[in-house]
Amino acid sequence: MTDLTGLTTPLCATLGIRHPVFQAPIGSAATPELAAAVSGAGGLGSLALTWTPPAAAREAIRRVRELTDRPFAVNLVLDFPVEELLEVCLAERVPVLSTFWGDPTGVRARVRGSGTVHLHTVGSVAEAGAAVEAGVDAVVAQGWEAGGHVRGRTSTMALVPAVVDRVAPVPVLAAGGIADGRGLAAALALGAQGAWMGTRFLTAHEAASHPTYRDAVRAAAPDDAAYTRCFDGGWPDAPHRALRNSTMAAWEEAGSPAAPGRPDEGGVVAADEAGGTHRRYEDTVPLAGMTGDLEALALYAGQSAGLVADGAPAADLVTTILAQARRLLPRLD
């Protein structure tokens, strides 16, 4: 069996984790069980709590702690109201806070001195520099290949080393297009201190993704993950990457019109277990328990979907990624 004991980085030591595998906050598909499984396997699991009521956010954080004693992260999107959620995170002494899509300065002022490590995701070298000037502890450099909402237009291969050069000695994580040990090894070779992976964990057994969503990810080729503005749901002027589906095809055939002039604007396409309805073009992914035309919902995924052919327990995914990377990196100085 491959020896994984040496596969670590200085940022891992700072965070109190063993290995440089970071589960990206994959929206409502991220569960406490997923975060705990990744963290328990030596990586860093994440919850995505921006649209979660504060009481439910507190419950999710405490659930992770019931399942593991390892560090984990909570993600907040800064162009939405997150003040109450930030208070919950700080009161619960969340080990790691990751932020995205906005200026981290105000959050950083609150986090400083709390003991919580603050990571911020960026899409450009300039944005990385601004985040470091705001005082964040580490930067996630998100390449254009990434799934979900995409901050910049530069590929991971070009962006990561440029960000590393700009912000050193502040640690950098690589995001976008990474789904296996080859990608992790490449990220480390580019100077990153870990890989931030979302699409790979959409098919983890502990994720809340619906089988329809999982099947679409497993069947996808890299070019099936389109860079688009088809889906919205309140994100401010936010391009994103999602798998092509019937909603996107009809929208593109109509000339990609803006709301409210999109085909079947406002049409209900799915329902959840609580009786809530979900409309076409919403920022909603298919989750376990939903019914309806689930293929028509947003199937957020990155170009690395072309590397995801199976599902497995999250701990097994982490171990497989690490083993493959370790074979490619027989020695880390």
C-alpha atoms as a PDB file:
ATOM      1  CA  MET A   1       0.000   0.000   0.000  1.00  0.00           C
ATOM      2  CA  THR A   2       1.270   3.482  -0.861  1.00  0.00           C
ATOM      3  CA  ASP A   3       2.723   5.355   2.101  1.00  0.00           C
ATOM      4  CA  LEU A   4       0.781   8.609   2.508  1.00  0.00           C
ATOM      5  CA  THR A   5       2.492   9.865   5.649  1.00  0.00           C
ATOM      6  CA  GLY A   6       4.731  12.317   3.811  1.00  0.00           C
ATOM      7  CA  LEU A   7       2.030  13.847   1.619  1.00  0.00           C
ATOM      8  CA  THR A   8       1.451  17.085   3.475  1.00  0.00           C
ATOM      9  CA  THR A   9       2.217  20.804   3.213  1.00  0.00           C
ATOM     10  CA  PRO A  10       2.848  23.693   5.626  1.00  0.00           C
ATOM     11  CA  LEU A  11      -0.785  24.821   5.257  1.00  0.00           C
ATOM     12  CA  CYS A  12      -1.907  21.363   6.384  1.00  0.00           C
ATOM     13  CA  ALA A  13       0.115  21.881   9.562  1.00  0.00           C
ATOM     14  CA  THR A  14      -1.450  25.313  10.088  1.00  0.00           C
ATOM     15  CA  LEU A  15      -4.942  23.872   9.728  1.00  0.00           C
ATOM     16  CA  GLY A  16      -4.240  20.766  11.782  1.00  0.00           C
ATOM     17  CA  ILE A  17      -5.007  18.355   8.922  1.00  0.00           C
ATOM     18  CA  ARG A  18      -2.855  15.574   7.532  1.00  0.00           C
ATOM     19  CA  HIS A  19      -3.219  15.807   3.765  1.00  0.00           C
ATOM     20  CA  PRO A  20      -3.714  18.541   1.113  1.00  0.00           C
ATOM     21  CA  VAL A  21      -7.123  17.382  -0.154  1.00  0.00           C
ATOM     22  CA  PHE A  22      -9.807  20.041   0.333  1.00  0.00           C
ATOM     23  CA  GLN A  23     -13.488  19.365  -0.383  1.00  0.00           C
ATOM     24  CA  ALA A  24     -14.930  22.489  -1.952  1.00  0.00           C
ATOM     25  CA  PRO A  25     -18.286  23.763  -0.617  1.00  0.00           C
ATOM     26  CA  ILE A  26     -20.602  22.206  -3.215  1.00  0.00           C
ATOM     27  CA  GLY A  27     -23.701  24.137  -2.200  1.00  0.00           C
ATOM     28  CA  SER A  28     -26.664  22.240  -0.847  1.00  0.00           C
ATOM     29  CA  ALA A  29     -25.093  18.941  -1.944  1.00  0.00           C
ATOM     30  CA  ALA A  30     -22.589  19.343   0.903  1.00  0.00           C
ATOM     31  CA  THR A  31     -23.730  17.602   4.082  1.00  0.00           C
ATOM     32  CA  PRO A  32     -22.278  17.299   7.577  1.00  0.00           C
ATOM     33  CA  GLU A  33     -21.668  13.637   6.796  1.00  0.00           C
ATOM     34  CA  LEU A  34     -19.622  14.535   3.710  1.00  0.00           C
ATOM     35  CA  ALA A  35     -17.567  17.178   5.502  1.00  0.00           C
ATOM     36  CA  ALA A  36     -16.899  14.848   8.423  1.00  0.00           C
ATOM     37  CA  ALA A  37     -15.897  11.960   6.163  1.00  0.00           C
ATOM     38  CA  VAL A  38     -13.382  14.061   4.224  1.00  0.00           C
ATOM     39  CA  SER A  39     -11.945  15.534   7.398  1.00  0.00           C
ATOM     40  CA  GLY A  40     -11.840  12.129   9.063  1.00  0.00           C
ATOM     41  CA  ALA A  41      -9.801  10.818   6.144  1.00  0.00           C
ATOM     42  CA  GLY A  42      -7.179  13.504   6.715  1.00  0.00           C
ATOM     43  CA  GLY A  43      -8.373  16.207   4.329  1.00  0.00           C
ATOM     44  CA  LEU A  44     -10.555  19.241   4.997  1.00  0.00           C
ATOM     45  CA  GLY A  45     -14.304  18.885   4.554  1.00  0.00           C
ATOM     46  CA  SER A  46     -16.602  21.854   4.044  1.00  0.00           C
ATOM     47  CA  LEU A  47     -20.170  22.970   4.683  1.00  0.00           C
ATOM     48  CA  ALA A  48     -21.872  25.573   2.473  1.00  0.00           C
ATOM     49  CA  LEU A  49     -24.158  27.591   4.750  1.00  0.00           C
ATOM     50  CA  THR A  50     -24.854  30.928   3.021  1.00  0.00           C
ATOM     51  CA  TRP A  51     -28.573  30.232   2.488  1.00  0.00           C
ATOM     52  CA  THR A  52     -29.081  28.229   5.688  1.00  0.00           C
ATOM     53  CA  PRO A  53     -31.064  29.771   8.573  1.00  0.00           C
ATOM     54  CA  PRO A  54     -28.765  30.494  11.534  1.00  0.00           C
ATOM     55  CA  ALA A  55     -30.329  27.843  13.776  1.00  0.00           C
ATOM     56  CA  ALA A  56     -29.958  25.194  11.088  1.00  0.00           C
ATOM     57  CA  ALA A  57     -26.391  26.339  10.420  1.00  0.00           C
ATOM     58  CA  ARG A  58     -25.546  25.889  14.090  1.00  0.00           C
ATOM     59  CA  GLU A  59     -27.094  22.425  13.999  1.00  0.00           C
ATOM     60  CA  ALA A  60     -25.059  21.460  10.907  1.00  0.00           C
ATOM     61  CA  ILE A  61     -21.809  22.643  12.494  1.00  0.00           C
ATOM     62  CA  ARG A  62     -22.526  20.690  15.643  1.00  0.00           C
ATOM     63  CA  ARG A  63     -23.421  17.622  13.617  1.00  0.00           C
ATOM     64  CA  VAL A  64     -20.005  17.663  11.962  1.00  0.00           C
ATOM     65  CA  ARG A  65     -18.439  17.791  15.415  1.00  0.00           C
ATOM     66  CA  GLU A  66     -20.500  14.788  16.480  1.00  0.00           C
ATOM     67  CA  LEU A  67     -19.094  12.832  13.552  1.00  0.00           C
ATOM     68  CA  THR A  68     -15.421  13.841  13.707  1.00  0.00           C
ATOM     69  CA  ASP A  69     -12.939  15.579  15.966  1.00  0.00           C
ATOM     70  CA  ARG A  70     -10.938  16.782  12.957  1.00  0.00           C
ATOM     71  CA  PRO A  71     -10.903  20.362  11.593  1.00  0.00           C
ATOM     72  CA  PHE A  72     -13.469  21.354   8.963  1.00  0.00           C
ATOM     73  CA  ALA A  73     -14.545  24.498   7.107  1.00  0.00           C
ATOM     74  CA  VAL A  74     -17.691  26.564   6.633  1.00  0.00           C
ATOM     75  CA  ASN A  75     -18.172  28.597   3.457  1.00  0.00           C
ATOM     76  CA  LEU A  76     -19.985  31.954   3.180  1.00  0.00           C
ATOM     77  CA  VAL A  77     -20.683  33.888  -0.043  1.00  0.00           C
ATOM     78  CA  LEU A  78     -20.046  37.549   0.694  1.00  0.00           C
ATOM     79  CA  ASP A  79     -22.409  39.225  -1.769  1.00  0.00           C
ATOM     80  CA  PHE A  80     -25.307  37.865   0.287  1.00  0.00           C
ATOM     81  CA  PRO A  81     -26.324  38.771   3.864  1.00  0.00           C
ATOM     82  CA  VAL A  82     -24.103  36.569   6.043  1.00  0.00           C
ATOM     83  CA  GLU A  83     -23.667  38.614   9.241  1.00  0.00           C
ATOM     84  CA  GLU A  84     -25.849  36.345  11.379  1.00  0.00           C
ATOM     85  CA  LEU A  85     -24.187  33.261   9.951  1.00  0.00           C
ATOM     86  CA  LEU A  86     -20.756  34.701  10.645  1.00  0.00           C
ATOM     87  CA  GLU A  87     -21.789  35.244  14.248  1.00  0.00           C
ATOM     88  CA  VAL A  88     -22.830  31.591  14.437  1.00  0.00           C
ATOM     89  CA  CYS A  89     -19.519  30.450  12.952  1.00  0.00           C
ATOM     90  CA  LEU A  90     -17.499  32.497  15.420  1.00  0.00           C
ATOM     91  CA  ALA A  91     -19.655  31.491  18.385  1.00  0.00           C
ATOM     92  CA  GLU A  92     -19.221  27.842  17.416  1.00  0.00           C
ATOM     93  CA  ARG A  93     -15.476  28.356  16.964  1.00  0.00           C
ATOM     94  CA  VAL A  94     -15.440  26.958  13.445  1.00  0.00           C
ATOM     95  CA  PRO A  95     -11.838  25.909  12.704  1.00  0.00           C
ATOM     96  CA  VAL A  96     -11.767  27.261   9.136  1.00  0.00           C
ATOM     97  CA  LEU A  97     -13.910  29.887   7.400  1.00  0.00           C
ATOM     98  CA  SER A  98     -13.814  30.092   3.611  1.00  0.00           C
ATOM     99  CA  THR A  99     -15.304  33.082   1.826  1.00  0.00           C
ATOM    100  CA  PHE A 100     -16.093  33.804  -1.828  1.00  0.00           C
ATOM    101  CA  TRP A 101     -17.559  36.330  -4.244  1.00  0.00           C
ATOM    102  CA  GLY A 102     -16.978  39.621  -2.511  1.00  0.00           C
ATOM    103  CA  ASP A 103     -14.571  41.735  -0.516  1.00  0.00           C
ATOM    104  CA  PRO A 104     -13.285  39.776   2.509  1.00  0.00           C
ATOM    105  CA  THR A 105     -12.122  42.881   4.410  1.00  0.00           C
ATOM    106  CA  GLY A 106     -15.117  43.210   6.721  1.00  0.00           C
ATOM    107  CA  VAL A 107     -15.239  39.516   7.530  1.00  0.00           C
ATOM    108  CA  ARG A 108     -11.504  39.471   8.099  1.00  0.00           C
ATOM    109  CA  ALA A 109     -11.824  42.221  10.703  1.00  0.00           C
ATOM    110  CA  ARG A 110     -14.345  40.051  12.575  1.00  0.00           C
ATOM    111  CA  VAL A 111     -12.370  36.818  12.231  1.00  0.00           C
ATOM    112  CA  ARG A 112      -8.980  38.236  13.204  1.00  0.00           C
ATOM    113  CA  GLY A 113      -7.953  37.017  16.645  1.00  0.00           C
ATOM    114  CA  SER A 114     -10.758  34.449  16.878  1.00  0.00           C
ATOM    115  CA  GLY A 115      -8.584  31.421  16.210  1.00  0.00           C
ATOM    116  CA  THR A 116     -10.495  30.675  12.992  1.00  0.00           C
ATOM    117  CA  VAL A 117      -8.335  30.385   9.855  1.00  0.00           C
ATOM    118  CA  HIS A 118      -9.710  32.491   6.992  1.00  0.00           C
ATOM    119  CA  LEU A 119      -9.434  31.297   3.376  1.00  0.00           C
ATOM    120  CA  HIS A 120     -10.728  33.404   0.487  1.00  0.00           C
ATOM    121  CA  THR A 121     -11.380  32.267  -3.097  1.00  0.00           C
ATOM    122  CA  VAL A 122     -10.237  34.504  -5.957  1.00  0.00           C
ATOM    123  CA  GLY A 123     -10.286  34.419  -9.744  1.00  0.00           C
ATOM    124  CA  SER A 124      -7.404  36.730 -10.623  1.00  0.00           C
ATOM    125  CA  VAL A 125      -3.966  37.797  -9.499  1.00  0.00           C
ATOM    126  CA  ALA A 126      -5.262  41.268  -8.635  1.00  0.00           C
ATOM    127  CA  GLU A 127      -8.046  39.840  -6.511  1.00  0.00           C
ATOM    128  CA  ALA A 128      -5.528  37.596  -4.746  1.00  0.00           C
ATOM    129  CA  GLY A 129      -3.373  40.582  -3.922  1.00  0.00           C
ATOM    130  CA  ALA A 130      -6.339  42.483  -2.529  1.00  0.00           C
ATOM    131  CA  ALA A 131      -7.360  39.518  -0.374  1.00  0.00           C
ATOM    132  CA  VAL A 132      -3.887  39.243   1.101  1.00  0.00           C
ATOM    133  CA  GLU A 133      -3.814  42.983   1.758  1.00  0.00           C
ATOM    134  CA  ALA A 134      -7.087  42.481   3.651  1.00  0.00           C
ATOM    135  CA  GLY A 135      -5.242  39.975   5.819  1.00  0.00           C
ATOM    136  CA  VAL A 136      -6.662  36.578   4.854  1.00  0.00           C
ATOM    137  CA  ASP A 137      -4.641  33.571   5.969  1.00  0.00           C
ATOM    138  CA  ALA A 138      -4.677  31.710   2.647  1.00  0.00           C
ATOM    139  CA  VAL A 139      -5.982  32.127  -0.899  1.00  0.00           C
ATOM    140  CA  VAL A 140      -7.876  29.669  -3.093  1.00  0.00           C
ATOM    141  CA  ALA A 141      -6.999  30.400  -6.736  1.00  0.00           C
ATOM    142  CA  GLN A 142     -10.012  29.286  -8.782  1.00  0.00           C
ATOM    143  CA  GLY A 143      -9.330  28.569 -12.429  1.00  0.00           C
ATOM    144  CA  TRP A 144     -11.864  29.004 -15.213  1.00  0.00           C
ATOM    145  CA  GLU A 145     -12.357  25.206 -15.425  1.00  0.00           C
ATOM    146  CA  ALA A 146     -14.172  25.162 -12.085  1.00  0.00           C
ATOM    147  CA  GLY A 147     -17.790  24.167 -11.618  1.00  0.00           C
ATOM    148  CA  GLY A 148     -20.490  26.271 -10.023  1.00  0.00           C
ATOM    149  CA  HIS A 149     -19.947  30.005  -9.889  1.00  0.00           C
ATOM    150  CA  VAL A 150     -16.718  31.071 -11.565  1.00  0.00           C
ATOM    151  CA  ARG A 151     -14.930  34.222 -10.500  1.00  0.00           C
ATOM    152  CA  GLY A 152     -12.367  34.763 -13.282  1.00  0.00           C
ATOM    153  CA  ARG A 153     -11.412  33.852 -16.838  1.00  0.00           C
ATOM    154  CA  THR A 154      -7.884  32.426 -16.401  1.00  0.00           C
ATOM    155  CA  SER A 155      -7.100  28.711 -16.491  1.00  0.00           C
ATOM    156  CA  THR A 156      -5.917  26.948 -13.350  1.00  0.00           C
ATOM    157  CA  MET A 157      -2.553  26.103 -14.921  1.00  0.00           C
ATOM    158  CA  ALA A 158      -1.828  29.780 -15.607  1.00  0.00           C
ATOM    159  CA  LEU A 159      -3.540  31.322 -12.587  1.00  0.00           C
ATOM    160  CA  VAL A 160      -2.127  29.251  -9.726  1.00  0.00           C
ATOM    161  CA  PRO A 161       1.604  29.906 -10.218  1.00  0.00           C
ATOM    162  CA  ALA A 162       0.930  33.579 -10.929  1.00  0.00           C
ATOM    163  CA  VAL A 163      -1.027  33.880  -7.676  1.00  0.00           C
ATOM    164  CA  VAL A 164       1.677  31.968  -5.805  1.00  0.00           C
ATOM    165  CA  ASP A 165       4.265  34.442  -7.085  1.00  0.00           C
ATOM    166  CA  ARG A 166       2.088  37.422  -6.208  1.00  0.00           C
ATOM    167  CA  VAL A 167       1.135  36.540  -2.627  1.00  0.00           C
ATOM    168  CA  ALA A 168       4.075  34.497  -1.295  1.00  0.00           C
ATOM    169  CA  PRO A 169       4.577  33.557   1.507  1.00  0.00           C
ATOM    170  CA  VAL A 170       0.787  33.405   1.997  1.00  0.00           C
ATOM    171  CA  PRO A 171      -0.354  29.843   1.125  1.00  0.00           C
ATOM    172  CA  VAL A 172      -2.350  29.169  -2.037  1.00  0.00           C
ATOM    173  CA  LEU A 173      -4.750  26.350  -2.868  1.00  0.00           C
ATOM    174  CA  ALA A 174      -5.526  25.357  -6.465  1.00  0.00           C
ATOM    175  CA  ALA A 175      -9.139  25.021  -7.629  1.00  0.00           C
ATOM    176  CA  GLY A 176     -10.676  24.205 -10.984  1.00  0.00           C
ATOM    177  CA  GLY A 177     -10.341  21.092 -13.115  1.00  0.00           C
ATOM    178  CA  ILE A 178      -8.864  18.887 -10.358  1.00  0.00           C
ATOM    179  CA  ALA A 179     -10.499  15.555  -9.573  1.00  0.00           C
ATOM    180  CA  ASP A 180      -7.736  13.016  -8.979  1.00  0.00           C
ATOM    181  CA  GLY A 181      -4.189  12.496  -7.766  1.00  0.00           C
ATOM    182  CA  ARG A 182      -2.731  13.700 -11.040  1.00  0.00           C
ATOM    183  CA  GLY A 183      -4.407  17.048 -10.530  1.00  0.00           C
ATOM    184  CA  LEU A 184      -3.261  17.197  -6.912  1.00  0.00           C
ATOM    185  CA  ALA A 185       0.319  16.442  -7.947  1.00  0.00           C
ATOM    186  CA  ALA A 186       0.123  19.123 -10.635  1.00  0.00           C
ATOM    187  CA  ALA A 187      -1.242  21.657  -8.145  1.00  0.00           C
ATOM    188  CA  LEU A 188       1.633  20.994  -5.758  1.00  0.00           C
ATOM    189  CA  ALA A 189       4.120  21.275  -8.627  1.00  0.00           C
ATOM    190  CA  LEU A 190       2.654  24.702  -9.470  1.00  0.00           C
ATOM    191  CA  GLY A 191       3.395  25.884  -5.948  1.00  0.00           C
ATOM    192  CA  ALA A 192      -0.040  25.377  -4.391  1.00  0.00           C
ATOM    193  CA  GLN A 193      -0.282  23.790  -0.963  1.00  0.00           C
ATOM    194  CA  GLY A 194      -3.339  21.712  -1.740  1.00  0.00           C
ATOM    195  CA  ALA A 195      -6.170  21.050  -4.188  1.00  0.00           C
ATOM    196  CA  TRP A 196      -9.713  22.368  -3.737  1.00  0.00           C
ATOM    197  CA  MET A 197     -12.066  19.811  -5.337  1.00  0.00           C
ATOM    198  CA  GLY A 198     -15.812  20.115  -5.763  1.00  0.00           C
ATOM    199  CA  THR A 199     -16.991  18.083  -8.749  1.00  0.00           C
ATOM    200  CA  ARG A 200     -15.136  14.970  -7.557  1.00  0.00           C
ATOM    201  CA  PHE A 201     -17.185  14.925  -4.348  1.00  0.00           C
ATOM    202  CA  LEU A 202     -20.596  15.343  -6.022  1.00  0.00           C
ATOM    203  CA  THR A 203     -20.773  11.562  -6.418  1.00  0.00           C
ATOM    204  CA  ALA A 204     -19.475  10.743  -2.922  1.00  0.00           C
ATOM    205  CA  HIS A 205     -21.899   8.512  -1.063  1.00  0.00           C
ATOM    206  CA  GLU A 206     -22.345  11.136   1.670  1.00  0.00           C
ATOM    207  CA  ALA A 207     -23.257  13.992  -0.698  1.00  0.00           C
ATOM    208  CA  ALA A 208     -26.916  15.041  -0.942  1.00  0.00           C
ATOM    209  CA  SER A 209     -26.870  15.039  -4.745  1.00  0.00           C
ATOM    210  CA  HIS A 210     -29.772  13.233  -6.439  1.00  0.00           C
ATOM    211  CA  PRO A 211     -29.002  10.120  -8.537  1.00  0.00           C
ATOM    212  CA  THR A 212     -29.995  12.118 -11.640  1.00  0.00           C
ATOM    213  CA  TYR A 213     -27.272  14.644 -10.854  1.00  0.00           C
ATOM    214  CA  ARG A 214     -24.705  11.946 -10.063  1.00  0.00           C
ATOM    215  CA  ASP A 215     -25.465  10.106 -13.302  1.00  0.00           C
ATOM    216  CA  ALA A 216     -25.056  13.313 -15.309  1.00  0.00           C
ATOM    217  CA  VAL A 217     -21.666  14.003 -13.731  1.00  0.00           C
ATOM    218  CA  ARG A 218     -20.436  10.460 -14.327  1.00  0.00           C
ATOM    219  CA  ALA A 219     -21.573  10.509 -17.957  1.00  0.00           C
ATOM    220  CA  ALA A 220     -20.114  13.940 -18.765  1.00  0.00           C
ATOM    221  CA  ALA A 221     -17.146  14.739 -20.973  1.00  0.00           C
ATOM    222  CA  PRO A 222     -15.049  17.823 -20.145  1.00  0.00           C
ATOM    223  CA  ASP A 223     -16.736  19.940 -22.833  1.00  0.00           C
ATOM    224  CA  ASP A 224     -20.198  19.097 -21.483  1.00  0.00           C
ATOM    225  CA  ALA A 225     -19.495  21.534 -18.634  1.00  0.00           C
ATOM    226  CA  ALA A 226     -20.490  24.873 -20.179  1.00  0.00           C
ATOM    227  CA  TYR A 227     -19.465  28.343 -19.049  1.00  0.00           C
ATOM    228  CA  THR A 228     -22.808  30.153 -19.013  1.00  0.00           C
ATOM    229  CA  ARG A 229     -25.175  32.678 -17.453  1.00  0.00           C
ATOM    230  CA  CYS A 230     -28.221  30.463 -17.897  1.00  0.00           C
ATOM    231  CA  PHE A 231     -29.034  29.992 -14.209  1.00  0.00           C
ATOM    232  CA  ASP A 232     -29.324  32.803 -11.668  1.00  0.00           C
ATOM    233  CA  GLY A 233     -31.135  32.616  -8.334  1.00  0.00           C
ATOM    234  CA  GLY A 234     -30.012  35.983  -7.054  1.00  0.00           C
ATOM    235  CA  TRP A 235     -26.279  35.798  -7.666  1.00  0.00           C
ATOM    236  CA  PRO A 236     -25.089  39.242  -8.840  1.00  0.00           C
ATOM    237  CA  ASP A 237     -23.953  39.122 -12.484  1.00  0.00           C
ATOM    238  CA  ALA A 238     -22.480  35.677 -11.889  1.00  0.00           C
ATOM    239  CA  PRO A 239     -21.181  33.438 -14.691  1.00  0.00           C
ATOM    240  CA  HIS A 240     -21.037  29.791 -13.785  1.00  0.00           C
ATOM    241  CA  ARG A 241     -20.221  26.361 -15.175  1.00  0.00           C
ATOM    242  CA  ALA A 242     -22.894  23.669 -15.416  1.00  0.00           C
ATOM    243  CA  LEU A 243     -23.539  20.553 -17.460  1.00  0.00           C
ATOM    244  CA  ARG A 244     -25.555  21.070 -20.608  1.00  0.00           C
ATOM    245  CA  ASN A 245     -29.187  20.061 -20.179  1.00  0.00           C
ATOM    246  CA  SER A 246     -32.622  20.696 -21.660  1.00  0.00           C
ATOM    247  CA  THR A 247     -32.993  24.106 -19.981  1.00  0.00           C
ATOM    248  CA  MET A 248     -29.680  25.349 -21.307  1.00  0.00           C
ATOM    249  CA  ALA A 249     -30.340  23.960 -24.780  1.00  0.00           C
ATOM    250  CA  ALA A 250     -33.712  25.716 -25.081  1.00  0.00           C
ATOM    251  CA  TRP A 251     -32.253  28.960 -23.717  1.00  0.00           C
ATOM    252  CA  GLU A 252     -29.339  28.913 -26.163  1.00  0.00           C
ATOM    253  CA  GLU A 253     -31.642  28.043 -29.085  1.00  0.00           C
ATOM    254  CA  ALA A 254     -33.717  31.118 -28.190  1.00  0.00           C
ATOM    255  CA  GLY A 255     -30.613  33.293 -28.393  1.00  0.00           C
ATOM    256  CA  SER A 256     -29.699  33.241 -24.690  1.00  0.00           C
ATOM    257  CA  PRO A 257     -32.167  36.003 -23.721  1.00  0.00           C
ATOM    258  CA  ALA A 258     -32.072  37.727 -20.348  1.00  0.00           C
ATOM    259  CA  ALA A 259     -34.789  37.293 -17.757  1.00  0.00           C
ATOM    260  CA  PRO A 260     -37.762  37.540 -17.906  1.00  0.00           C
ATOM    261  CA  GLY A 261     -37.682  36.594 -21.576  1.00  0.00           C
ATOM    262  CA  ARG A 262     -36.267  33.099 -21.286  1.00  0.00           C
ATOM    263  CA  PRO A 263     -38.186  30.056 -22.566  1.00  0.00           C
ATOM    264  CA  ASP A 264     -40.621  28.743 -19.923  1.00  0.00           C
ATOM    265  CA  GLU A 265     -39.592  31.528 -17.546  1.00  0.00           C
ATOM    266  CA  GLY A 266     -40.906  30.703 -14.096  1.00  0.00           C
ATOM    267  CA  GLY A 267     -42.035  27.197 -14.984  1.00  0.00           C
ATOM    268  CA  VAL A 268     -42.020  24.779 -12.046  1.00  0.00           C
ATOM    269  CA  VAL A 269     -39.822  21.783 -12.836  1.00  0.00           C
ATOM    270  CA  ALA A 270     -39.250  20.084  -9.473  1.00  0.00           C
ATOM    271  CA  ALA A 271     -40.464  19.696  -5.902  1.00  0.00           C
ATOM    272  CA  ASP A 272     -38.593  18.801  -2.735  1.00  0.00           C
ATOM    273  CA  GLU A 273     -39.529  16.609   0.221  1.00  0.00           C
ATOM    274  CA  ALA A 274     -40.748  19.607   2.216  1.00  0.00           C
ATOM    275  CA  GLY A 275     -43.232  20.510  -0.515  1.00  0.00           C
ATOM    276  CA  GLY A 276     -41.234  23.415  -1.892  1.00  0.00           C
ATOM    277  CA  THR A 277     -41.269  24.001  -5.642  1.00  0.00           C
ATOM    278  CA  HIS A 278     -38.293  24.831  -7.827  1.00  0.00           C
ATOM    279  CA  ARG A 279     -38.480  26.784 -11.041  1.00  0.00           C
ATOM    280  CA  ARG A 280     -36.512  26.675 -14.244  1.00  0.00           C
ATOM    281  CA  TYR A 281     -33.345  28.854 -14.182  1.00  0.00           C
ATOM    282  CA  GLU A 282     -33.146  28.895 -10.384  1.00  0.00           C
ATOM    283  CA  ASP A 283     -29.851  28.410  -8.558  1.00  0.00           C
ATOM    284  CA  THR A 284     -31.019  24.946  -7.484  1.00  0.00           C
ATOM    285  CA  VAL A 285     -29.355  21.577  -8.000  1.00  0.00           C
ATOM    286  CA  PRO A 286     -31.129  18.196  -7.883  1.00  0.00           C
ATOM    287  CA  LEU A 287     -30.992  16.837  -4.335  1.00  0.00           C
ATOM    288  CA  ALA A 288     -31.960  13.523  -2.814  1.00  0.00           C
ATOM    289  CA  GLY A 289     -35.721  13.307  -2.276  1.00  0.00           C
ATOM    290  CA  MET A 290     -36.639  15.740  -5.066  1.00  0.00           C
ATOM    291  CA  THR A 291     -39.116  14.746  -7.764  1.00  0.00           C
ATOM    292  CA  GLY A 292     -39.954  16.148 -11.177  1.00  0.00           C
ATOM    293  CA  ASP A 293     -37.907  17.031 -14.249  1.00  0.00           C
ATOM    294  CA  LEU A 294     -34.659  17.053 -12.290  1.00  0.00           C
ATOM    295  CA  GLU A 295     -32.458  17.013 -15.387  1.00  0.00           C
ATOM    296  CA  ALA A 296     -33.746  20.535 -16.126  1.00  0.00           C
ATOM    297  CA  LEU A 297     -32.305  22.014 -12.917  1.00  0.00           C
ATOM    298  CA  ALA A 298     -28.824  23.525 -12.674  1.00  0.00           C
ATOM    299  CA  LEU A 299     -26.271  20.706 -12.899  1.00  0.00           C
ATOM    300  CA  TYR A 300     -23.271  22.617 -11.610  1.00  0.00           C
ATOM    301  CA  ALA A 301     -20.013  20.827 -12.405  1.00  0.00           C
ATOM    302  CA  GLY A 302     -16.542  21.656 -13.618  1.00  0.00           C
ATOM    303  CA  GLN A 303     -14.614  20.379 -16.604  1.00  0.00           C
ATOM    304  CA  SER A 304     -13.156  17.743 -14.276  1.00  0.00           C
ATOM    305  CA  ALA A 305     -16.516  15.935 -14.584  1.00  0.00           C
ATOM    306  CA  GLY A 306     -14.820  14.140 -17.450  1.00  0.00           C
ATOM    307  CA  LEU A 307     -12.573  12.492 -14.844  1.00  0.00           C
ATOM    308  CA  VAL A 308     -15.405  11.344 -12.550  1.00  0.00           C
ATOM    309  CA  ALA A 309     -16.657   7.933 -13.555  1.00  0.00           C
ATOM    310  CA  ASP A 310     -17.771   6.456 -10.243  1.00  0.00           C
ATOM    311  CA  GLY A 311     -19.101   7.087  -6.786  1.00  0.00           C
ATOM    312  CA  ALA A 312     -17.617   5.939  -3.490  1.00  0.00           C
ATOM    313  CA  PRO A 313     -17.493   6.814   0.184  1.00  0.00           C
ATOM    314  CA  ALA A 314     -15.740  10.158   0.582  1.00  0.00           C
ATOM    315  CA  ALA A 315     -12.951   8.643   2.683  1.00  0.00           C
ATOM    316  CA  ASP A 316     -12.164   6.208  -0.139  1.00  0.00           C
ATOM    317  CA  LEU A 317     -12.060   9.075  -2.640  1.00  0.00           C
ATOM    318  CA  VAL A 318      -9.574  10.936  -0.453  1.00  0.00           C
ATOM    319  CA  THR A 319      -7.383   7.851  -0.037  1.00  0.00           C
ATOM    320  CA  THR A 320      -7.402   7.115  -3.779  1.00  0.00           C
ATOM    321  CA  ILE A 321      -6.513  10.695  -4.687  1.00  0.00           C
ATOM    322  CA  LEU A 322      -3.658  10.723  -2.190  1.00  0.00           C
ATOM    323  CA  ALA A 323      -2.290   7.363  -3.276  1.00  0.00           C
ATOM    324  CA  GLN A 324      -2.196   8.396  -6.930  1.00  0.00           C
ATOM    325  CA  ALA A 325      -0.530  11.700  -6.112  1.00  0.00           C
ATOM    326  CA  ARG A 326       2.009  10.006  -3.854  1.00  0.00           C
ATOM    327  CA  ARG A 327       3.069   7.673  -6.654  1.00  0.00           C
ATOM    328  CA  LEU A 328       3.680  10.722  -8.845  1.00  0.00           C
ATOM    329  CA  LEU A 329       5.469  12.629  -6.095  1.00  0.00           C
ATOM    330  CA  PRO A 330       7.817  10.120  -4.482  1.00  0.00           C
ATOM    331  CA  ARG A 331       9.320  12.879  -2.436  1.00  0.00           C
ATOM    332  CA  LEU A 332       8.097  16.229  -1.162  1.00  0.00           C
ATOM    333  CA  ASP A 333      10.777  18.564   0.125  1.00  0.00           C
END
